[in-house]
Amino acid sequence: MKILIRLPNWLGDVVMSTAFVGAVRQSYPDADVDVIIKKELGGIASLIPGLNQVHLFSKQEYPGLPGVYRFGKTLQEEKYDLFFCLPDSLSSAVMGWATKAKKRIGFGKEGRFFLMTNTYKKPANLHRTDEYISLLEQFTGTRIIKRVVELRAKTIESTCSQVILNFNSEAVSRRMPLDKGKQLIVTLTSTFKNTRFVVVGSPKEKVYIDELLSGIDKGQIENYAGKTSLEGLCNLMASSKAVLTTDSGPAHLGNSLGVPTIVLFGAGNELNTAPYNKENLKVIRAGKLECEPCVRNTCKLYGVPKCMQLIDEIEIINALSLYL
């Protein structure tokens, strides 16, 4: 049997979907399991256990619905038996339809039922990882017991205790405000004097990072913003004592690698999108505002995410102290 999975479009969601890949492997142990992933996130695919082949999809190379259809057609010769569509978009369903997979399975969203052979209702109020797995359970009629979000990276030998710092997020409401971030970094370096703090971020987040670190003593700080690939970032994380991060893709990366991960939550809802593996995970929220969590990308009430500003530094220090 040959199975094709269309992975989600965001880094954190891709990481959460690794449990779905593992569940497919449990259900079809002798099958070839391939995936389609956004080209920009392709580096992660090599770290997902249990894959046979990876197909990279680029919106720039295959624009619009016609492009999506053309991309799907390139996979027809693979003769897939099953196509699992994890994104809710119409374009992802068109892609699956174009592959001519014998069965195309997805949630019944955006009027996609005519493109799928099997559509199911998306359950409400589940964690994103369990939501994905529910699609497989509804299709097979079998309960999935083992659920593990997992990536496998290489460790790099380090001469000192190292902590990854990520204060970025795609959504401004989940990003650490600059003044709070500066204050927190000063507190961390003065408290943990024998620890190196590695600040990470994507190339487009480099401006924010440079501003965050301006005027701060960088004796214990290394700025890796814009300097690592996704695979390199995972290797860096796997070699660290802990990851201290906002609610963002790197939070899921650290957690999936088994690294102790402390996640600072503001606008996001941890019940749906917190890192999935509970071991060595600490979620910290101020919880002092009635609007928490608002799940908005920008703060309409305060202009800056006050929910992030109110997070207790002492609670962060105490959580990190467990691993240093």
C-alpha atoms as a PDB file:
ATOM      1  CA  MET A   1       0.000   0.000   0.000  1.00  0.00           C
ATOM      2  CA  LYS A   2       1.120   3.555  -0.735  1.00  0.00           C
ATOM      3  CA  ILE A   3      -0.054   6.438   1.465  1.00  0.00           C
ATOM      4  CA  LEU A   4       0.369  10.166   0.875  1.00  0.00           C
ATOM      5  CA  ILE A   5      -0.150  12.764   3.623  1.00  0.00           C
ATOM      6  CA  ARG A   6      -0.564  16.476   2.909  1.00  0.00           C
ATOM      7  CA  LEU A   7       1.083  18.068   5.950  1.00  0.00           C
ATOM      8  CA  PRO A   8      -0.084  21.420   7.422  1.00  0.00           C
ATOM      9  CA  ASN A   9       1.320  24.783   6.343  1.00  0.00           C
ATOM     10  CA  TRP A  10       2.726  26.185   9.604  1.00  0.00           C
ATOM     11  CA  LEU A  11       5.833  25.006  11.439  1.00  0.00           C
ATOM     12  CA  GLY A  12       4.112  24.281  14.762  1.00  0.00           C
ATOM     13  CA  ASP A  13       1.282  22.434  13.032  1.00  0.00           C
ATOM     14  CA  VAL A  14       3.745  20.326  11.029  1.00  0.00           C
ATOM     15  CA  VAL A  15       5.476  19.306  14.253  1.00  0.00           C
ATOM     16  CA  MET A  16       2.126  18.464  15.895  1.00  0.00           C
ATOM     17  CA  SER A  17       1.210  16.362  12.842  1.00  0.00           C
ATOM     18  CA  THR A  18       4.176  14.026  13.409  1.00  0.00           C
ATOM     19  CA  ALA A  19       1.950  12.099  15.832  1.00  0.00           C
ATOM     20  CA  PHE A  20      -0.451  11.563  12.916  1.00  0.00           C
ATOM     21  CA  VAL A  21       2.394  10.181  10.802  1.00  0.00           C
ATOM     22  CA  GLY A  22       3.269   7.821  13.639  1.00  0.00           C
ATOM     23  CA  ALA A  23      -0.366   6.770  13.961  1.00  0.00           C
ATOM     24  CA  VAL A  24      -0.553   6.010  10.231  1.00  0.00           C
ATOM     25  CA  ARG A  25       2.551   3.859  10.647  1.00  0.00           C
ATOM     26  CA  GLN A  26       0.813   1.984  13.482  1.00  0.00           C
ATOM     27  CA  SER A  27      -2.300   1.427  11.401  1.00  0.00           C
ATOM     28  CA  TYR A  28      -0.471   0.456   8.200  1.00  0.00           C
ATOM     29  CA  PRO A  29       2.897  -0.999   9.296  1.00  0.00           C
ATOM     30  CA  ASP A  30       3.795  -2.381   5.853  1.00  0.00           C
ATOM     31  CA  ALA A  31       2.831   0.695   3.818  1.00  0.00           C
ATOM     32  CA  ASP A  32       5.040   3.262   2.123  1.00  0.00           C
ATOM     33  CA  VAL A  33       4.256   6.602   3.788  1.00  0.00           C
ATOM     34  CA  ASP A  34       5.068   9.766   1.805  1.00  0.00           C
ATOM     35  CA  VAL A  35       4.305  13.412   2.574  1.00  0.00           C
ATOM     36  CA  ILE A  36       3.757  16.721   0.822  1.00  0.00           C
ATOM     37  CA  ILE A  37       5.235  19.684   2.687  1.00  0.00           C
ATOM     38  CA  LYS A  38       5.796  23.354   1.919  1.00  0.00           C
ATOM     39  CA  LYS A  39       9.211  23.839   0.395  1.00  0.00           C
ATOM     40  CA  GLU A  40      10.131  26.410   3.076  1.00  0.00           C
ATOM     41  CA  LEU A  41       9.589  23.766   5.773  1.00  0.00           C
ATOM     42  CA  GLY A  42      11.232  20.915   3.885  1.00  0.00           C
ATOM     43  CA  GLY A  43      14.197  20.726   6.267  1.00  0.00           C
ATOM     44  CA  ILE A  44      11.918  19.433   9.007  1.00  0.00           C
ATOM     45  CA  ALA A  45      10.710  16.469   6.962  1.00  0.00           C
ATOM     46  CA  SER A  46      14.088  14.735   7.183  1.00  0.00           C
ATOM     47  CA  LEU A  47      13.688  14.659  10.974  1.00  0.00           C
ATOM     48  CA  ILE A  48      10.237  13.005  10.965  1.00  0.00           C
ATOM     49  CA  PRO A  49      10.511   9.257  11.690  1.00  0.00           C
ATOM     50  CA  GLY A  50       8.808   6.772   9.405  1.00  0.00           C
ATOM     51  CA  LEU A  51       8.758   8.575   6.053  1.00  0.00           C
ATOM     52  CA  ASN A  52       9.685   7.019   2.734  1.00  0.00           C
ATOM     53  CA  GLN A  53       9.548   9.999   0.381  1.00  0.00           C
ATOM     54  CA  VAL A  54       9.093  13.771   0.701  1.00  0.00           C
ATOM     55  CA  HIS A  55       7.456  15.930  -1.979  1.00  0.00           C
ATOM     56  CA  LEU A  56       8.223  19.654  -1.684  1.00  0.00           C
ATOM     57  CA  PHE A  57       5.458  22.048  -2.747  1.00  0.00           C
ATOM     58  CA  SER A  58       6.100  25.705  -3.593  1.00  0.00           C
ATOM     59  CA  LYS A  59       3.332  28.265  -4.143  1.00  0.00           C
ATOM     60  CA  GLN A  60       5.780  30.331  -6.149  1.00  0.00           C
ATOM     61  CA  GLU A  61       6.440  27.470  -8.574  1.00  0.00           C
ATOM     62  CA  TYR A  62       2.795  26.324  -8.650  1.00  0.00           C
ATOM     63  CA  PRO A  63       0.657  29.450  -8.050  1.00  0.00           C
ATOM     64  CA  GLY A  64      -3.116  29.448  -7.505  1.00  0.00           C
ATOM     65  CA  LEU A  65      -5.533  26.561  -7.887  1.00  0.00           C
ATOM     66  CA  PRO A  66      -4.275  25.762 -11.421  1.00  0.00           C
ATOM     67  CA  GLY A  67      -0.766  25.429 -10.004  1.00  0.00           C
ATOM     68  CA  VAL A  68      -1.953  23.233  -7.143  1.00  0.00           C
ATOM     69  CA  TYR A  69      -3.721  20.989  -9.652  1.00  0.00           C
ATOM     70  CA  ARG A  70      -0.597  20.752 -11.836  1.00  0.00           C
ATOM     71  CA  PHE A  71       1.503  19.812  -8.813  1.00  0.00           C
ATOM     72  CA  GLY A  72      -0.953  17.081  -7.825  1.00  0.00           C
ATOM     73  CA  LYS A  73      -0.857  15.666 -11.344  1.00  0.00           C
ATOM     74  CA  THR A  74       2.919  15.215 -11.104  1.00  0.00           C
ATOM     75  CA  LEU A  75       2.242  12.591  -8.422  1.00  0.00           C
ATOM     76  CA  GLN A  76      -0.236  10.487 -10.408  1.00  0.00           C
ATOM     77  CA  GLU A  77       2.440   7.978 -11.438  1.00  0.00           C
ATOM     78  CA  GLU A  78       2.986   7.146  -7.767  1.00  0.00           C
ATOM     79  CA  LYS A  79      -0.468   5.490  -7.752  1.00  0.00           C
ATOM     80  CA  TYR A  80      -1.331   6.265  -4.159  1.00  0.00           C
ATOM     81  CA  ASP A  81      -3.975   4.192  -2.410  1.00  0.00           C
ATOM     82  CA  LEU A  82      -4.735   6.742   0.339  1.00  0.00           C
ATOM     83  CA  PHE A  83      -4.389  10.524   0.504  1.00  0.00           C
ATOM     84  CA  PHE A  84      -4.835  12.125   3.931  1.00  0.00           C
ATOM     85  CA  CYS A  85      -5.452  15.882   3.773  1.00  0.00           C
ATOM     86  CA  LEU A  86      -4.601  17.595   7.078  1.00  0.00           C
ATOM     87  CA  PRO A  87      -5.062  21.270   6.036  1.00  0.00           C
ATOM     88  CA  ASP A  88      -8.662  22.501   5.741  1.00  0.00           C
ATOM     89  CA  SER A  89      -8.086  24.491   2.554  1.00  0.00           C
ATOM     90  CA  LEU A  90      -9.802  23.940  -0.759  1.00  0.00           C
ATOM     91  CA  SER A  91      -6.439  24.051  -2.526  1.00  0.00           C
ATOM     92  CA  SER A  92      -5.137  21.077  -0.526  1.00  0.00           C
ATOM     93  CA  ALA A  93      -8.213  19.078  -1.503  1.00  0.00           C
ATOM     94  CA  VAL A  94      -7.695  20.009  -5.173  1.00  0.00           C
ATOM     95  CA  MET A  95      -4.109  18.784  -4.862  1.00  0.00           C
ATOM     96  CA  GLY A  96      -5.291  15.446  -3.509  1.00  0.00           C
ATOM     97  CA  TRP A  97      -7.935  15.104  -6.211  1.00  0.00           C
ATOM     98  CA  ALA A  98      -5.299  15.707  -8.891  1.00  0.00           C
ATOM     99  CA  THR A  99      -3.117  12.866  -7.555  1.00  0.00           C
ATOM    100  CA  LYS A 100      -5.922  10.390  -8.400  1.00  0.00           C
ATOM    101  CA  ALA A 101      -5.353   8.584  -5.124  1.00  0.00           C
ATOM    102  CA  LYS A 102      -7.958   5.829  -4.758  1.00  0.00           C
ATOM    103  CA  LYS A 103      -9.258   7.236  -1.456  1.00  0.00           C
ATOM    104  CA  ARG A 104      -8.927  10.861  -0.430  1.00  0.00           C
ATOM    105  CA  ILE A 105      -9.651  11.533   3.236  1.00  0.00           C
ATOM    106  CA  GLY A 106     -10.150  14.868   4.975  1.00  0.00           C
ATOM    107  CA  PHE A 107     -12.400  17.000   7.136  1.00  0.00           C
ATOM    108  CA  GLY A 108     -15.545  18.302   5.449  1.00  0.00           C
ATOM    109  CA  LYS A 109     -14.510  21.974   5.329  1.00  0.00           C
ATOM    110  CA  GLU A 110     -14.834  24.700   2.659  1.00  0.00           C
ATOM    111  CA  GLY A 111     -17.210  22.617   0.534  1.00  0.00           C
ATOM    112  CA  ARG A 112     -14.519  20.051  -0.263  1.00  0.00           C
ATOM    113  CA  PHE A 113     -16.782  16.995  -0.142  1.00  0.00           C
ATOM    114  CA  PHE A 114     -16.903  16.597  -3.926  1.00  0.00           C
ATOM    115  CA  LEU A 115     -13.082  16.408  -4.103  1.00  0.00           C
ATOM    116  CA  MET A 116     -12.783  13.781  -1.366  1.00  0.00           C
ATOM    117  CA  THR A 117     -14.001  10.206  -1.261  1.00  0.00           C
ATOM    118  CA  ASN A 118     -14.258  10.251   2.541  1.00  0.00           C
ATOM    119  CA  THR A 119     -15.052  13.357   4.593  1.00  0.00           C
ATOM    120  CA  TYR A 120     -15.541  13.581   8.342  1.00  0.00           C
ATOM    121  CA  LYS A 121     -16.613  16.165  10.892  1.00  0.00           C
ATOM    122  CA  LYS A 122     -13.798  17.959  12.679  1.00  0.00           C
ATOM    123  CA  PRO A 123     -14.235  17.478  16.451  1.00  0.00           C
ATOM    124  CA  ALA A 124     -14.464  20.617  18.583  1.00  0.00           C
ATOM    125  CA  ASN A 125     -12.218  21.656  21.480  1.00  0.00           C
ATOM    126  CA  LEU A 126      -9.463  19.120  20.894  1.00  0.00           C
ATOM    127  CA  HIS A 127      -5.748  19.703  20.910  1.00  0.00           C
ATOM    128  CA  ARG A 128      -4.513  20.102  17.332  1.00  0.00           C
ATOM    129  CA  THR A 129      -2.576  16.822  17.530  1.00  0.00           C
ATOM    130  CA  ASP A 130      -5.649  14.872  18.669  1.00  0.00           C
ATOM    131  CA  GLU A 131      -7.707  16.634  16.015  1.00  0.00           C
ATOM    132  CA  TYR A 132      -5.436  15.301  13.276  1.00  0.00           C
ATOM    133  CA  ILE A 133      -5.460  11.782  14.719  1.00  0.00           C
ATOM    134  CA  SER A 134      -9.260  11.844  14.926  1.00  0.00           C
ATOM    135  CA  LEU A 135      -9.323  11.966  11.119  1.00  0.00           C
ATOM    136  CA  LEU A 136      -7.467   8.639  10.968  1.00  0.00           C
ATOM    137  CA  GLU A 137      -9.636   7.143  13.711  1.00  0.00           C
ATOM    138  CA  GLN A 138     -12.852   8.079  11.920  1.00  0.00           C
ATOM    139  CA  PHE A 139     -11.546   6.573   8.677  1.00  0.00           C
ATOM    140  CA  THR A 140     -10.251   3.296  10.133  1.00  0.00           C
ATOM    141  CA  GLY A 141     -12.766   2.936  12.962  1.00  0.00           C
ATOM    142  CA  THR A 142      -9.857   2.103  15.275  1.00  0.00           C
ATOM    143  CA  ARG A 143      -8.745   3.992  18.386  1.00  0.00           C
ATOM    144  CA  ILE A 144      -5.130   5.198  18.338  1.00  0.00           C
ATOM    145  CA  ILE A 145      -3.565   4.729  21.765  1.00  0.00           C
ATOM    146  CA  LYS A 146       0.083   5.678  21.229  1.00  0.00           C
ATOM    147  CA  ARG A 147       0.357   9.387  20.430  1.00  0.00           C
ATOM    148  CA  VAL A 148       3.815  10.917  20.356  1.00  0.00           C
ATOM    149  CA  VAL A 149       4.962  14.126  18.699  1.00  0.00           C
ATOM    150  CA  GLU A 150       8.519  13.358  17.655  1.00  0.00           C
ATOM    151  CA  LEU A 151      11.427  14.721  15.653  1.00  0.00           C
ATOM    152  CA  ARG A 152      14.920  13.223  15.639  1.00  0.00           C
ATOM    153  CA  ALA A 153      17.917  15.529  15.480  1.00  0.00           C
ATOM    154  CA  LYS A 154      21.667  15.256  15.978  1.00  0.00           C
ATOM    155  CA  THR A 155      23.278  16.573  19.130  1.00  0.00           C
ATOM    156  CA  ILE A 156      26.244  18.912  18.944  1.00  0.00           C
ATOM    157  CA  GLU A 157      28.796  18.740  21.739  1.00  0.00           C
ATOM    158  CA  SER A 158      28.841  21.920  23.823  1.00  0.00           C
ATOM    159  CA  THR A 159      31.501  23.019  26.275  1.00  0.00           C
ATOM    160  CA  CYS A 160      29.027  24.824  28.537  1.00  0.00           C
ATOM    161  CA  SER A 161      25.439  24.795  29.778  1.00  0.00           C
ATOM    162  CA  GLN A 162      23.266  26.178  26.993  1.00  0.00           C
ATOM    163  CA  VAL A 163      19.666  27.463  26.861  1.00  0.00           C
ATOM    164  CA  ILE A 164      17.743  28.387  23.707  1.00  0.00           C
ATOM    165  CA  LEU A 165      15.814  31.680  23.874  1.00  0.00           C
ATOM    166  CA  ASN A 166      13.018  32.381  21.423  1.00  0.00           C
ATOM    167  CA  PHE A 167      10.931  35.504  22.029  1.00  0.00           C
ATOM    168  CA  ASN A 168       9.486  35.660  18.508  1.00  0.00           C
ATOM    169  CA  SER A 169       6.124  34.681  17.063  1.00  0.00           C
ATOM    170  CA  GLU A 170       4.334  35.141  13.757  1.00  0.00           C
ATOM    171  CA  ALA A 171       1.569  36.887  15.721  1.00  0.00           C
ATOM    172  CA  VAL A 172       2.514  40.155  17.443  1.00  0.00           C
ATOM    173  CA  SER A 173       0.145  39.279  20.306  1.00  0.00           C
ATOM    174  CA  ARG A 174       2.297  36.232  21.127  1.00  0.00           C
ATOM    175  CA  ARG A 175       5.670  37.957  20.741  1.00  0.00           C
ATOM    176  CA  MET A 176       7.558  39.155  23.805  1.00  0.00           C
ATOM    177  CA  PRO A 177       7.359  42.984  24.067  1.00  0.00           C
ATOM    178  CA  LEU A 178      10.816  44.521  23.678  1.00  0.00           C
ATOM    179  CA  ASP A 179      10.985  46.143  27.117  1.00  0.00           C
ATOM    180  CA  LYS A 180       9.861  42.955  28.869  1.00  0.00           C
ATOM    181  CA  GLY A 181      12.271  40.877  26.774  1.00  0.00           C
ATOM    182  CA  LYS A 182      15.265  43.076  27.606  1.00  0.00           C
ATOM    183  CA  GLN A 183      14.429  42.989  31.295  1.00  0.00           C
ATOM    184  CA  LEU A 184      14.023  39.217  31.237  1.00  0.00           C
ATOM    185  CA  ILE A 185      17.354  38.628  29.465  1.00  0.00           C
ATOM    186  CA  VAL A 186      19.185  40.775  32.033  1.00  0.00           C
ATOM    187  CA  THR A 187      17.530  38.794  34.855  1.00  0.00           C
ATOM    188  CA  LEU A 188      18.420  35.454  33.228  1.00  0.00           C
ATOM    189  CA  THR A 189      22.083  36.275  32.638  1.00  0.00           C
ATOM    190  CA  SER A 190      22.564  37.685  36.136  1.00  0.00           C
ATOM    191  CA  THR A 191      20.859  34.662  37.727  1.00  0.00           C
ATOM    192  CA  PHE A 192      22.507  31.902  35.669  1.00  0.00           C
ATOM    193  CA  LYS A 193      26.071  33.181  35.337  1.00  0.00           C
ATOM    194  CA  ASN A 194      27.559  29.947  33.971  1.00  0.00           C
ATOM    195  CA  THR A 195      24.970  29.515  31.239  1.00  0.00           C
ATOM    196  CA  ARG A 196      25.135  30.539  27.595  1.00  0.00           C
ATOM    197  CA  PHE A 197      21.879  31.855  26.130  1.00  0.00           C
ATOM    198  CA  VAL A 198      21.432  31.257  22.399  1.00  0.00           C
ATOM    199  CA  VAL A 199      18.876  33.631  20.895  1.00  0.00           C
ATOM    200  CA  VAL A 200      17.196  32.234  17.772  1.00  0.00           C
ATOM    201  CA  GLY A 201      14.871  33.524  15.088  1.00  0.00           C
ATOM    202  CA  SER A 202      14.151  33.395  11.363  1.00  0.00           C
ATOM    203  CA  PRO A 203      15.796  35.836   8.914  1.00  0.00           C
ATOM    204  CA  LYS A 204      12.705  38.064   8.938  1.00  0.00           C
ATOM    205  CA  GLU A 205      12.815  38.185  12.755  1.00  0.00           C
ATOM    206  CA  LYS A 206      16.440  39.368  12.832  1.00  0.00           C
ATOM    207  CA  VAL A 207      15.487  43.069  13.068  1.00  0.00           C
ATOM    208  CA  TYR A 208      13.394  42.392  16.179  1.00  0.00           C
ATOM    209  CA  ILE A 209      16.216  40.333  17.713  1.00  0.00           C
ATOM    210  CA  ASP A 210      18.835  42.999  17.003  1.00  0.00           C
ATOM    211  CA  GLU A 211      16.636  45.588  18.707  1.00  0.00           C
ATOM    212  CA  LEU A 212      15.946  43.227  21.615  1.00  0.00           C
ATOM    213  CA  LEU A 213      19.670  42.732  22.248  1.00  0.00           C
ATOM    214  CA  SER A 214      20.765  46.322  21.728  1.00  0.00           C
ATOM    215  CA  GLY A 215      22.308  47.855  24.850  1.00  0.00           C
ATOM    216  CA  ILE A 216      22.545  44.490  26.632  1.00  0.00           C
ATOM    217  CA  ASP A 217      25.817  42.920  27.800  1.00  0.00           C
ATOM    218  CA  LYS A 218      26.318  40.059  25.357  1.00  0.00           C
ATOM    219  CA  GLY A 219      28.979  38.178  27.315  1.00  0.00           C
ATOM    220  CA  GLN A 220      26.648  35.195  27.842  1.00  0.00           C
ATOM    221  CA  ILE A 221      24.588  35.677  24.688  1.00  0.00           C
ATOM    222  CA  GLU A 222      24.952  34.282  21.184  1.00  0.00           C
ATOM    223  CA  ASN A 223      22.710  35.680  18.439  1.00  0.00           C
ATOM    224  CA  TYR A 224      21.773  32.959  15.959  1.00  0.00           C
ATOM    225  CA  ALA A 225      18.823  34.825  14.414  1.00  0.00           C
ATOM    226  CA  GLY A 226      18.762  34.202  10.673  1.00  0.00           C
ATOM    227  CA  LYS A 227      21.857  31.984  10.871  1.00  0.00           C
ATOM    228  CA  THR A 228      20.384  28.477  11.075  1.00  0.00           C
ATOM    229  CA  SER A 229      18.296  26.232   8.886  1.00  0.00           C
ATOM    230  CA  LEU A 230      15.354  24.457  10.501  1.00  0.00           C
ATOM    231  CA  GLU A 231      17.414  21.286  10.709  1.00  0.00           C
ATOM    232  CA  GLY A 232      20.338  23.222  12.202  1.00  0.00           C
ATOM    233  CA  LEU A 233      18.016  24.838  14.745  1.00  0.00           C
ATOM    234  CA  CYS A 234      16.772  21.410  15.821  1.00  0.00           C
ATOM    235  CA  ASN A 235      20.347  20.167  16.223  1.00  0.00           C
ATOM    236  CA  LEU A 236      21.105  23.244  18.334  1.00  0.00           C
ATOM    237  CA  MET A 237      18.046  22.614  20.490  1.00  0.00           C
ATOM    238  CA  ALA A 238      18.823  18.920  20.923  1.00  0.00           C
ATOM    239  CA  SER A 239      22.205  19.943  22.358  1.00  0.00           C
ATOM    240  CA  SER A 240      20.728  22.359  24.926  1.00  0.00           C
ATOM    241  CA  LYS A 241      19.663  22.054  28.541  1.00  0.00           C
ATOM    242  CA  ALA A 242      16.324  23.768  27.934  1.00  0.00           C
ATOM    243  CA  VAL A 243      14.263  25.910  25.554  1.00  0.00           C
ATOM    244  CA  LEU A 244      12.593  29.082  26.845  1.00  0.00           C
ATOM    245  CA  THR A 245      10.154  30.303  24.243  1.00  0.00           C
ATOM    246  CA  THR A 246       6.957  32.107  23.409  1.00  0.00           C
ATOM    247  CA  ASP A 247       3.967  30.269  21.938  1.00  0.00           C
ATOM    248  CA  SER A 248       5.445  29.603  18.484  1.00  0.00           C
ATOM    249  CA  GLY A 249       6.928  26.986  16.160  1.00  0.00           C
ATOM    250  CA  PRO A 250      10.185  26.626  18.147  1.00  0.00           C
ATOM    251  CA  ALA A 251       8.162  25.696  21.244  1.00  0.00           C
ATOM    252  CA  HIS A 252       6.926  22.629  19.388  1.00  0.00           C
ATOM    253  CA  LEU A 253      10.383  21.869  18.005  1.00  0.00           C
ATOM    254  CA  GLY A 254      11.955  21.761  21.463  1.00  0.00           C
ATOM    255  CA  ASN A 255       9.159  19.656  22.903  1.00  0.00           C
ATOM    256  CA  SER A 256       9.239  17.171  19.995  1.00  0.00           C
ATOM    257  CA  LEU A 257      12.983  16.661  20.520  1.00  0.00           C
ATOM    258  CA  GLY A 258      12.513  15.790  24.195  1.00  0.00           C
ATOM    259  CA  VAL A 259      14.282  18.942  25.393  1.00  0.00           C
ATOM    260  CA  PRO A 260      12.832  20.554  28.546  1.00  0.00           C
ATOM    261  CA  THR A 261      10.625  23.333  27.190  1.00  0.00           C
ATOM    262  CA  ILE A 262       9.176  26.352  29.003  1.00  0.00           C
ATOM    263  CA  VAL A 263       6.477  28.132  27.009  1.00  0.00           C
ATOM    264  CA  LEU A 264       5.258  31.655  27.740  1.00  0.00           C
ATOM    265  CA  PHE A 265       1.618  32.056  26.703  1.00  0.00           C
ATOM    266  CA  GLY A 266      -0.243  35.269  25.916  1.00  0.00           C
ATOM    267  CA  ALA A 267      -2.981  35.407  23.286  1.00  0.00           C
ATOM    268  CA  GLY A 268      -2.806  31.736  22.267  1.00  0.00           C
ATOM    269  CA  ASN A 269      -4.943  29.003  23.808  1.00  0.00           C
ATOM    270  CA  GLU A 270      -2.710  26.371  25.385  1.00  0.00           C
ATOM    271  CA  LEU A 271      -5.578  23.865  25.493  1.00  0.00           C
ATOM    272  CA  ASN A 272      -5.465  23.640  21.685  1.00  0.00           C
ATOM    273  CA  THR A 273      -1.928  24.516  20.665  1.00  0.00           C
ATOM    274  CA  ALA A 274       0.512  24.009  23.551  1.00  0.00           C
ATOM    275  CA  PRO A 275       3.341  21.546  22.857  1.00  0.00           C
ATOM    276  CA  TYR A 276       1.785  18.097  23.057  1.00  0.00           C
ATOM    277  CA  ASN A 277       4.249  15.937  25.022  1.00  0.00           C
ATOM    278  CA  LYS A 278       3.684  16.590  28.725  1.00  0.00           C
ATOM    279  CA  GLU A 279       7.051  15.338  30.015  1.00  0.00           C
ATOM    280  CA  ASN A 280       9.540  18.160  30.701  1.00  0.00           C
ATOM    281  CA  LEU A 281       6.998  20.782  29.643  1.00  0.00           C
ATOM    282  CA  LYS A 282       6.086  23.897  31.629  1.00  0.00           C
ATOM    283  CA  VAL A 283       3.426  26.319  30.396  1.00  0.00           C
ATOM    284  CA  ILE A 284       3.451  29.768  32.026  1.00  0.00           C
ATOM    285  CA  ARG A 285       0.630  32.272  31.726  1.00  0.00           C
ATOM    286  CA  ALA A 286       0.038  35.459  33.712  1.00  0.00           C
ATOM    287  CA  GLY A 287      -3.719  34.853  33.796  1.00  0.00           C
ATOM    288  CA  LYS A 288      -4.418  38.304  35.213  1.00  0.00           C
ATOM    289  CA  LEU A 289      -6.588  39.691  32.407  1.00  0.00           C
ATOM    290  CA  GLU A 290     -10.212  38.810  31.626  1.00  0.00           C
ATOM    291  CA  CYS A 291      -9.398  38.825  27.904  1.00  0.00           C
ATOM    292  CA  GLU A 292      -6.946  35.904  28.173  1.00  0.00           C
ATOM    293  CA  PRO A 293      -6.717  34.069  25.875  1.00  0.00           C
ATOM    294  CA  CYS A 294      -8.109  36.205  23.060  1.00  0.00           C
ATOM    295  CA  VAL A 295      -6.540  34.164  20.195  1.00  0.00           C
ATOM    296  CA  ARG A 296      -6.060  37.390  18.204  1.00  0.00           C
ATOM    297  CA  ASN A 297      -2.934  38.168  16.195  1.00  0.00           C
ATOM    298  CA  THR A 298      -2.787  41.733  17.526  1.00  0.00           C
ATOM    299  CA  CYS A 299      -3.825  43.241  20.862  1.00  0.00           C
ATOM    300  CA  LYS A 300      -6.880  45.458  20.326  1.00  0.00           C
ATOM    301  CA  LEU A 301      -7.143  46.617  23.960  1.00  0.00           C
ATOM    302  CA  TYR A 302      -3.624  47.632  24.948  1.00  0.00           C
ATOM    303  CA  GLY A 303      -1.715  47.976  21.671  1.00  0.00           C
ATOM    304  CA  VAL A 304       1.019  45.701  23.032  1.00  0.00           C
ATOM    305  CA  PRO A 305       0.328  42.249  24.507  1.00  0.00           C
ATOM    306  CA  LYS A 306      -0.104  43.137  28.175  1.00  0.00           C
ATOM    307  CA  CYS A 307      -0.743  39.455  28.881  1.00  0.00           C
ATOM    308  CA  MET A 308       2.920  38.862  27.994  1.00  0.00           C
ATOM    309  CA  GLN A 309       4.160  41.855  29.995  1.00  0.00           C
ATOM    310  CA  LEU A 310       2.468  40.546  33.146  1.00  0.00           C
ATOM    311  CA  ILE A 311       4.182  37.140  33.141  1.00  0.00           C
ATOM    312  CA  ASP A 312       6.042  36.632  36.421  1.00  0.00           C
ATOM    313  CA  GLU A 313       9.838  36.561  35.974  1.00  0.00           C
ATOM    314  CA  ILE A 314      10.286  34.643  39.219  1.00  0.00           C
ATOM    315  CA  GLU A 315       8.108  31.830  37.892  1.00  0.00           C
ATOM    316  CA  ILE A 316      10.286  31.686  34.763  1.00  0.00           C
ATOM    317  CA  ILE A 317      13.487  31.585  36.827  1.00  0.00           C
ATOM    318  CA  ASN A 318      12.124  28.844  39.069  1.00  0.00           C
ATOM    319  CA  ALA A 319      11.057  26.749  36.070  1.00  0.00           C
ATOM    320  CA  LEU A 320      14.435  27.101  34.366  1.00  0.00           C
ATOM    321  CA  SER A 321      16.306  26.334  37.592  1.00  0.00           C
ATOM    322  CA  LEU A 322      15.014  22.756  37.427  1.00  0.00           C
ATOM    323  CA  TYR A 323      17.199  22.067  34.389  1.00  0.00           C
ATOM    324  CA  LEU A 324      20.344  24.115  35.113  1.00  0.00           C
END
